[in-house]
Amino acid sequence: MNRTKQLLTALATTAALVLPGAALPQEPPGYFKIPGTDTTLKLYGFVQVYGTDDLSGRIADIENYDWATIVPVQPLNGTPDAKEKGRLYFTARTSRLGVTTTTPTRFGALDTKLEGDFNGPNGFQGQTYTNSVLFRLRHAYATMAGFLVGQTWSLFLDFPSAPDTVDFNGPGTLALVRQPQVRYTFQPAPDMSVAVGVENPHNGGVGHLPDFTAKFGYTPKWASLGLGFVTNQYRYSKLGDGTPNNRTAQGYGVSLSGSTKLPWNDTVLGLLVFGNGVGRYMFNAIANFDGPDSSGNLKLWQSTAYHLGYTHVWNGEFRSNVIWSQTFFSRNGIDPSTFAPADDAGSGTFVPNKRIDQLFLNTFWDIAKNTELGVEYELGRRHTQLHQTGKEDRITVSATYNFF
């Protein structure tokens, strides 16, 4: 009987493709049952186009560096890249394609996800030629019975507290890292979740310890609250003269986050994150690497960051957001003589930062069921440990067309 039903479904699907007016089986948009299997497949994705106009300077090599907001490496005042103002850039590289599957098993549903976009850098065939940026892997994982194995967002990232920005990156307080991992999630109560994970370490396998993550979530009807933790090991495999070295330092990060919808349908959200050697678990820490003290011991940056966001819903089509963010770094014993020179790469790219300020003001317009337009003003200020500053003033527009 099952086989007959599957055959009839397949025939109906084929008929709908070739016969005008023929009815498809009643499945949600994007879903279909693979004939001859128990697997349901869903296709999803969108076409997305961005435009950015920098009123202040920006990094010139956008093919090999991030083209979206990345204030921690914003060109410093007085450098060549900072003096070139008014750079316009259009791209469709964030357009996305994904597929998910669900298959019943005796242990519960086996779900998989495979997703990619075209945001990989291509210095050979970028905007200089045909804008042929590269397809890149975003997610590739499976889940079953509370376990997740594969590549996806770090457990340290809290989505409910991520602000609604037009910019592809948003504030640099977030853990914008996807990596291979194994995690387990369970629910001690209907509105509570606890998850623990082991994730790919930052040092590419130098040493034997993965990064360890944990998160507690509480989601009553009125809010979403989260408490996250990560610990990661740093290690110098060699000193500057090539001498082998096994000195290590253990970093950690703690995050407190939350969001709530107000009675008049607006939303307030926030995130606080702090720790030593937070590294890539805080996007703004990209230019603050670990370093030695005067005795050669490995030291890590102390980091504290927060963001606050408010969403106002004007009506069923329009919504606006204001987001404010700050990140603070202290040396914590790192030798100042190890800092990169202020004219590094012509822009001061990797001079360690002391404070980063960010402001986002935007409006989204849902002009159709599957079409959204956005416009945003972004202000960023970078203050370095060498008492220099860099500024970002950017206007970003986007158009997103979902498949369904």
Protein backbone atom coordinates (compact mmCIF):
# COMPACT_ATOMS: atom_id res chain seq x y z
CA MET A 1 0.00 0.00 0.00
CA ASN A 2 2.82 2.37 0.88
CA ARG A 3 4.55 1.64 -2.41
CA THR A 4 1.32 2.32 -4.33
CA LYS A 5 0.85 5.65 -2.55
CA GLN A 6 4.42 6.70 -3.30
CA LEU A 7 3.97 5.80 -6.97
CA LEU A 8 0.73 7.80 -7.21
CA THR A 9 2.43 10.79 -5.57
CA ALA A 10 5.31 10.61 -8.02
CA LEU A 11 2.88 10.38 -10.97
CA ALA A 12 0.89 13.35 -9.69
CA THR A 13 4.07 15.39 -9.34
CA THR A 14 5.13 14.50 -12.88
CA ALA A 15 1.68 15.33 -14.23
CA ALA A 16 1.76 18.72 -12.55
CA LEU A 17 5.02 19.49 -14.32
CA VAL A 18 3.72 18.65 -17.79
CA LEU A 19 -0.07 19.13 -17.72
CA PRO A 20 -1.60 22.62 -17.33
CA GLY A 21 -3.90 22.81 -14.33
CA ALA A 22 -2.84 19.48 -12.79
CA ALA A 23 -2.75 19.60 -8.97
CA LEU A 24 0.39 18.96 -6.95
CA PRO A 25 0.24 16.90 -3.74
CA GLN A 26 -0.56 19.12 -0.78
CA GLU A 27 2.89 19.74 0.77
CA PRO A 28 4.20 22.97 2.32
CA PRO A 29 6.08 25.23 -0.14
CA GLY A 30 9.55 23.89 -0.81
CA TYR A 31 8.90 20.41 0.68
CA PHE A 32 8.46 17.15 -1.15
CA LYS A 33 8.65 13.47 -0.31
CA ILE A 34 11.38 11.60 -2.18
CA PRO A 35 9.62 8.69 -3.94
CA GLY A 36 10.67 5.25 -2.73
CA THR A 37 12.00 6.59 0.61
CA ASP A 38 10.76 7.84 3.97
CA THR A 39 12.75 11.07 3.55
CA THR A 40 11.18 14.50 3.22
CA LEU A 41 13.34 17.12 1.52
CA LYS A 42 13.07 20.90 1.63
CA LEU A 43 14.75 23.37 -0.71
CA TYR A 44 15.20 26.96 0.41
CA GLY A 45 17.23 30.05 -0.33
CA PHE A 46 17.14 33.58 -1.62
CA VAL A 47 18.66 36.01 -4.07
CA GLN A 48 20.22 38.96 -2.27
CA VAL A 49 21.82 42.14 -3.58
CA TYR A 50 23.81 44.64 -1.49
CA GLY A 51 25.04 48.15 -2.11
CA THR A 52 27.49 49.96 0.19
CA ASP A 53 28.75 53.54 0.00
CA ASP A 54 31.61 54.46 2.34
CA LEU A 55 31.70 58.15 3.20
CA SER A 56 34.95 57.55 5.10
CA GLY A 57 37.83 55.25 4.18
CA ARG A 58 37.69 51.47 3.85
CA ILE A 59 40.09 48.60 3.23
CA ALA A 60 40.97 48.59 -0.45
CA ASP A 61 41.27 44.81 -0.95
CA ILE A 62 37.63 43.78 -0.56
CA GLU A 63 38.24 40.60 -2.59
CA ASN A 64 40.34 39.07 0.19
CA TYR A 65 39.00 40.93 3.22
CA ASP A 66 35.42 41.18 4.45
CA TRP A 67 33.44 43.72 2.41
CA ALA A 68 30.75 44.12 5.11
CA THR A 69 31.18 46.16 8.30
CA ILE A 70 34.38 45.19 10.11
CA VAL A 71 35.34 48.15 12.31
CA PRO A 72 38.25 46.42 14.16
CA VAL A 73 40.37 46.70 10.98
CA GLN A 74 38.95 50.02 9.72
CA PRO A 75 41.76 52.13 8.20
CA LEU A 76 43.32 54.51 10.72
CA ASN A 77 43.10 58.27 10.22
CA GLY A 78 45.91 59.59 8.08
CA THR A 79 46.69 56.29 6.33
CA PRO A 80 46.30 55.93 2.54
CA ASP A 81 43.12 53.82 2.70
CA ALA A 82 41.48 56.30 5.11
CA LYS A 83 42.10 59.20 2.72
CA GLU A 84 40.18 57.57 -0.14
CA LYS A 85 36.54 58.44 0.50
CA GLY A 86 33.32 57.71 -1.34
CA ARG A 87 33.80 54.08 -2.39
CA LEU A 88 30.70 52.46 -3.88
CA TYR A 89 30.32 48.68 -4.07
CA PHE A 90 27.51 46.40 -5.32
CA THR A 91 27.40 42.64 -4.83
CA ALA A 92 25.07 39.63 -4.97
CA ARG A 93 27.58 37.36 -3.20
CA THR A 94 25.38 36.66 -0.15
CA SER A 95 22.71 34.90 -2.24
CA ARG A 96 22.05 31.58 -0.53
CA LEU A 97 21.02 28.01 -1.38
CA GLY A 98 20.19 25.26 1.10
CA VAL A 99 18.56 21.88 1.52
CA THR A 100 17.27 20.06 4.60
CA THR A 101 16.08 16.47 4.97
CA THR A 102 14.07 14.60 7.60
CA THR A 103 14.07 10.81 7.87
CA PRO A 104 12.29 8.83 10.61
CA THR A 105 14.43 6.29 12.52
CA ARG A 106 13.90 4.12 15.60
CA PHE A 107 15.88 6.74 17.57
CA GLY A 108 13.75 9.64 16.36
CA ALA A 109 13.95 11.89 13.34
CA LEU A 110 17.31 12.19 11.58
CA ASP A 111 17.55 15.75 10.26
CA THR A 112 20.32 17.05 8.00
CA LYS A 113 21.18 20.49 6.66
CA LEU A 114 23.49 21.56 3.86
CA GLU A 115 23.80 25.27 3.06
CA GLY A 116 26.13 27.58 1.20
CA ASP A 117 26.40 31.06 -0.27
CA PHE A 118 28.71 32.85 -2.70
CA ASN A 119 30.51 35.06 -0.20
CA GLY A 120 33.93 33.41 -0.61
CA PRO A 121 36.70 35.83 -1.69
CA ASN A 122 38.15 35.54 -5.17
CA GLY A 123 41.09 37.82 -5.85
CA PHE A 124 41.47 36.50 -9.41
CA GLN A 125 37.91 36.81 -10.74
CA GLY A 126 36.29 39.36 -8.44
CA GLN A 127 34.88 42.74 -9.40
CA THR A 128 37.93 43.40 -11.59
CA TYR A 129 36.60 40.80 -14.06
CA THR A 130 33.13 39.21 -13.86
CA ASN A 131 32.34 39.33 -10.11
CA SER A 132 32.79 35.56 -9.97
CA VAL A 133 33.05 35.20 -6.22
CA LEU A 134 33.32 31.68 -4.82
CA PHE A 135 30.69 29.35 -3.44
CA ARG A 136 31.44 28.55 0.23
CA LEU A 137 30.14 26.07 2.78
CA ARG A 138 28.09 27.53 5.64
CA HIS A 139 26.34 24.59 7.30
CA ALA A 140 26.72 20.81 6.95
CA TYR A 141 25.39 18.81 9.91
CA ALA A 142 22.98 16.15 11.13
CA THR A 143 20.86 16.02 14.30
CA MET A 144 19.18 13.09 16.04
CA ALA A 145 18.04 12.39 19.61
CA GLY A 146 19.49 15.66 20.93
CA PHE A 147 22.90 15.24 19.27
CA LEU A 148 24.31 17.51 16.56
CA VAL A 149 27.39 16.48 14.54
CA GLY A 150 28.85 18.64 11.78
CA GLN A 151 29.50 22.27 10.93
CA THR A 152 27.22 25.09 12.04
CA TRP A 153 27.22 28.22 14.19
CA SER A 154 29.17 27.99 17.42
CA LEU A 155 27.04 27.19 20.43
CA PHE A 156 28.38 30.42 21.96
CA LEU A 157 26.32 32.47 19.46
CA ASP A 158 22.89 33.46 20.79
CA PHE A 159 20.48 34.15 17.92
CA PRO A 160 17.56 35.67 19.89
CA SER A 161 19.85 38.51 20.99
CA ALA A 162 21.31 39.14 17.51
CA PRO A 163 20.08 42.53 16.26
CA ASP A 164 18.19 43.12 13.02
CA THR A 165 20.71 44.87 10.74
CA VAL A 166 20.93 45.44 7.01
CA ASP A 167 24.70 44.98 7.19
CA PHE A 168 25.72 41.37 6.64
CA ASN A 169 27.97 41.26 9.75
CA GLY A 170 26.19 43.49 12.25
CA PRO A 171 27.81 44.50 15.56
CA GLY A 172 31.15 42.88 16.38
CA THR A 173 30.01 41.64 19.77
CA LEU A 174 28.66 38.43 18.21
CA ALA A 175 30.39 35.06 17.85
CA LEU A 176 30.23 35.04 14.04
CA VAL A 177 31.97 31.69 13.59
CA ARG A 178 30.74 28.46 12.02
CA GLN A 179 32.87 25.38 12.64
CA PRO A 180 32.78 21.57 12.97
CA GLN A 181 31.50 20.42 16.35
CA VAL A 182 29.66 17.83 18.38
CA ARG A 183 26.99 19.02 20.81
CA TYR A 184 24.22 17.57 22.92
CA THR A 185 21.05 19.44 23.92
CA PHE A 186 18.39 18.42 26.40
CA GLN A 187 15.36 20.08 28.00
CA PRO A 188 15.01 19.81 31.80
CA ALA A 189 11.70 21.68 31.45
CA PRO A 190 9.48 22.73 28.50
CA ASP A 191 10.82 26.29 28.53
CA MET A 192 14.46 25.44 29.41
CA SER A 193 17.35 23.99 27.43
CA VAL A 194 20.89 22.97 28.31
CA ALA A 195 23.54 22.30 25.66
CA VAL A 196 27.20 21.30 25.80
CA GLY A 197 29.62 21.01 22.90
CA VAL A 198 33.17 20.43 21.72
CA GLU A 199 34.26 22.57 18.76
CA ASN A 200 37.18 22.87 16.37
CA PRO A 201 40.03 24.76 18.10
CA HIS A 202 41.37 28.04 16.73
CA ASN A 203 44.93 26.73 16.36
CA GLY A 204 44.18 24.18 13.67
CA GLY A 205 45.08 21.13 15.73
CA VAL A 206 48.20 22.41 17.54
CA GLY A 207 47.79 20.62 20.84
CA HIS A 208 45.08 18.13 21.76
CA LEU A 209 42.25 20.17 23.28
CA PRO A 210 39.12 21.26 21.41
CA ASP A 211 37.18 24.35 22.40
CA PHE A 212 34.48 23.55 24.98
CA THR A 213 31.13 25.36 24.91
CA ALA A 214 27.98 25.34 27.01
CA LYS A 215 24.70 27.24 26.98
CA PHE A 216 21.65 27.53 29.21
CA GLY A 217 18.47 28.88 27.64
CA TYR A 218 15.23 30.01 29.24
CA THR A 219 12.31 30.87 26.95
CA PRO A 220 9.13 31.84 28.82
CA LYS A 221 6.31 33.33 26.77
CA TRP A 222 7.48 36.87 27.43
CA ALA A 223 11.21 36.61 26.67
CA SER A 224 14.28 34.64 25.62
CA LEU A 225 17.23 34.53 28.03
CA GLY A 226 20.62 32.89 27.56
CA LEU A 227 23.82 32.20 29.46
CA GLY A 228 26.80 30.98 27.41
CA PHE A 229 30.32 29.80 28.18
CA VAL A 230 33.39 28.94 26.08
CA THR A 231 36.96 27.97 26.95
CA ASN A 232 39.76 27.76 24.39
CA GLN A 233 43.47 26.99 24.61
CA TYR A 234 46.20 29.15 23.05
CA ARG A 235 49.65 27.85 22.34
CA TYR A 236 52.91 29.02 20.79
CA SER A 237 54.32 26.09 18.84
CA LYS A 238 57.47 28.10 18.08
CA LEU A 239 59.12 31.28 19.32
CA GLY A 240 60.13 34.05 16.95
CA ASP A 241 63.58 32.52 16.40
CA GLY A 242 62.08 29.11 15.54
CA THR A 243 62.81 27.52 18.91
CA PRO A 244 60.11 24.95 19.88
CA ASN A 245 57.89 26.19 22.68
CA ASN A 246 55.01 24.52 24.52
CA ARG A 247 53.73 27.43 26.59
CA THR A 248 49.96 27.59 26.71
CA ALA A 249 47.27 29.86 28.08
CA GLN A 250 43.61 29.05 28.64
CA GLY A 251 41.09 31.58 27.40
CA TYR A 252 37.43 31.84 28.31
CA GLY A 253 34.32 33.82 27.52
CA VAL A 254 30.97 34.29 29.27
CA SER A 255 27.87 35.78 27.67
CA LEU A 256 24.57 37.00 29.10
CA SER A 257 21.84 37.71 26.57
CA GLY A 258 18.14 38.29 26.25
CA SER A 259 15.27 39.68 24.22
CA THR A 260 11.63 40.46 24.94
CA LYS A 261 8.65 41.60 22.88
CA LEU A 262 6.83 44.61 24.34
CA PRO A 263 3.01 44.79 24.55
CA TRP A 264 2.86 47.16 21.55
CA ASN A 265 4.80 44.63 19.39
CA ASP A 266 8.22 46.30 19.60
CA THR A 267 11.29 44.31 20.68
CA VAL A 268 14.19 45.05 23.04
CA LEU A 269 17.32 42.91 23.07
CA GLY A 270 20.82 42.95 24.50
CA LEU A 271 24.07 41.03 24.94
CA LEU A 272 26.96 41.29 27.40
CA VAL A 273 30.13 39.24 26.80
CA PHE A 274 33.45 39.26 28.64
CA GLY A 275 36.52 37.11 29.20
CA ASN A 276 40.23 36.55 28.51
CA GLY A 277 41.32 35.49 25.02
CA VAL A 278 37.74 35.42 23.69
CA GLY A 279 39.30 35.50 20.22
CA ARG A 280 37.02 34.61 17.31
CA TYR A 281 34.07 34.20 19.68
CA MET A 282 33.87 38.00 19.56
CA PHE A 283 34.06 39.36 16.00
CA ASN A 284 35.64 42.64 17.14
CA ALA A 285 38.60 40.71 18.61
CA ILE A 286 39.93 39.91 15.14
CA ALA A 287 42.83 42.42 15.45
CA ASN A 288 43.66 41.66 19.10
CA PHE A 289 45.85 38.55 18.99
CA ASP A 290 47.49 36.86 21.95
CA GLY A 291 51.02 38.00 22.80
CA PRO A 292 53.95 37.51 25.20
CA ASP A 293 54.85 39.47 28.30
CA SER A 294 58.41 40.64 29.02
CA SER A 295 59.34 37.10 30.21
CA GLY A 296 57.97 35.35 27.13
CA ASN A 297 54.87 33.97 28.86
CA LEU A 298 51.74 33.85 26.71
CA LYS A 299 49.18 36.53 27.66
CA LEU A 300 45.63 37.02 26.43
CA TRP A 301 43.58 40.16 25.88
CA GLN A 302 40.91 40.99 28.43
CA SER A 303 37.69 41.80 26.56
CA THR A 304 34.30 43.22 27.50
CA ALA A 305 31.54 44.06 25.02
CA TYR A 306 27.83 44.75 24.87
CA HIS A 307 25.11 45.72 22.44
CA LEU A 308 21.57 47.01 22.89
CA GLY A 309 18.88 46.98 20.23
CA TYR A 310 15.35 48.30 19.83
CA THR A 311 12.94 47.33 17.04
CA HIS A 312 9.88 49.49 16.32
CA VAL A 313 7.14 48.00 14.14
CA TRP A 314 5.36 50.76 12.26
CA ASN A 315 2.82 48.47 10.57
CA GLY A 316 2.68 45.13 8.75
CA GLU A 317 5.18 46.32 6.13
CA PHE A 318 7.67 48.61 7.88
CA ARG A 319 9.98 48.16 10.86
CA SER A 320 12.99 50.16 12.08
CA ASN A 321 15.93 49.38 14.36
CA VAL A 322 18.48 51.26 16.40
CA ILE A 323 21.50 49.30 17.71
CA TRP A 324 24.36 50.59 19.86
CA SER A 325 27.47 48.56 20.64
CA GLN A 326 30.81 48.99 22.43
CA THR A 327 33.84 46.70 22.83
CA PHE A 328 36.74 47.27 25.25
CA PHE A 329 40.18 45.61 25.35
CA SER A 330 42.96 45.77 27.97
CA ARG A 331 46.53 44.49 27.53
CA ASN A 332 46.58 42.16 30.54
CA GLY A 333 50.39 42.03 30.60
CA ILE A 334 50.99 41.84 26.84
CA ASP A 335 54.28 43.49 25.90
CA PRO A 336 53.56 46.74 23.93
CA SER A 337 56.72 46.16 21.85
CA THR A 338 54.92 43.27 20.12
CA PHE A 339 52.28 45.60 18.64
CA ALA A 340 52.19 45.96 14.86
CA PRO A 341 53.42 49.31 13.48
CA ALA A 342 50.77 51.95 12.91
CA ASP A 343 51.26 51.90 9.14
CA ASP A 344 50.76 48.12 8.79
CA ALA A 345 49.51 47.27 5.28
CA GLY A 346 49.05 50.99 4.57
CA SER A 347 46.00 51.20 6.84
CA GLY A 348 46.95 50.11 10.36
CA THR A 349 44.90 46.94 9.86
CA PHE A 350 46.40 44.84 12.64
CA VAL A 351 47.20 47.45 15.26
CA PRO A 352 45.50 46.11 18.44
CA ASN A 353 42.38 47.96 19.50
CA LYS A 354 41.45 49.52 22.82
CA ARG A 355 37.80 50.45 22.16
CA ILE A 356 35.30 50.03 19.33
CA ASP A 357 31.98 51.92 19.06
CA GLN A 358 29.21 51.02 16.61
CA LEU A 359 25.80 52.49 15.77
CA PHE A 360 23.23 51.13 13.31
CA LEU A 361 20.05 52.95 12.20
CA ASN A 362 17.85 51.15 9.66
CA THR A 363 14.42 50.57 8.15
CA PHE A 364 13.06 47.45 6.41
CA TRP A 365 10.14 47.38 3.96
CA ASP A 366 8.38 44.09 3.21
CA ILE A 367 7.02 45.06 -0.18
CA ALA A 368 5.71 41.56 -0.96
CA LYS A 369 5.42 38.17 0.75
CA ASN A 370 8.89 37.09 -0.40
CA THR A 371 10.59 40.46 -1.05
CA GLU A 372 12.25 42.80 1.45
CA LEU A 373 14.19 46.04 1.02
CA GLY A 374 16.46 47.56 3.66
CA VAL A 375 18.42 50.78 4.11
CA GLU A 376 20.85 51.54 6.93
CA TYR A 377 23.34 54.08 8.21
CA GLU A 378 26.32 52.62 10.07
CA LEU A 379 28.77 54.57 12.22
CA GLY A 380 31.90 52.94 13.58
CA ARG A 381 34.80 54.30 15.61
CA ARG A 382 38.02 52.42 16.29
CA HIS A 383 40.48 53.45 19.05
CA THR A 384 43.81 51.59 19.20
CA GLN A 385 46.34 50.80 21.92
CA LEU A 386 48.70 53.21 20.07
CA HIS A 387 46.24 56.12 20.61
CA GLN A 388 45.07 56.29 17.01
CA THR A 389 41.55 56.30 15.62
CA GLY A 390 39.76 55.08 12.55
CA LYS A 391 36.21 55.94 11.53
CA GLU A 392 33.53 54.29 9.46
CA ASP A 393 30.56 56.14 7.98
CA ARG A 394 28.63 53.87 5.65
CA ILE A 395 25.26 53.66 3.94
CA THR A 396 24.07 50.14 3.11
CA VAL A 397 21.04 49.07 1.06
CA SER A 398 19.82 45.54 0.39
CA ALA A 399 17.17 43.67 -1.57
CA THR A 400 16.25 40.11 -0.65
CA TYR A 401 14.04 37.84 -2.78
CA ASN A 402 13.14 34.55 -1.08
CA PHE A 403 12.42 31.52 -3.26
CA PHE A 404 8.97 30.97 -1.70
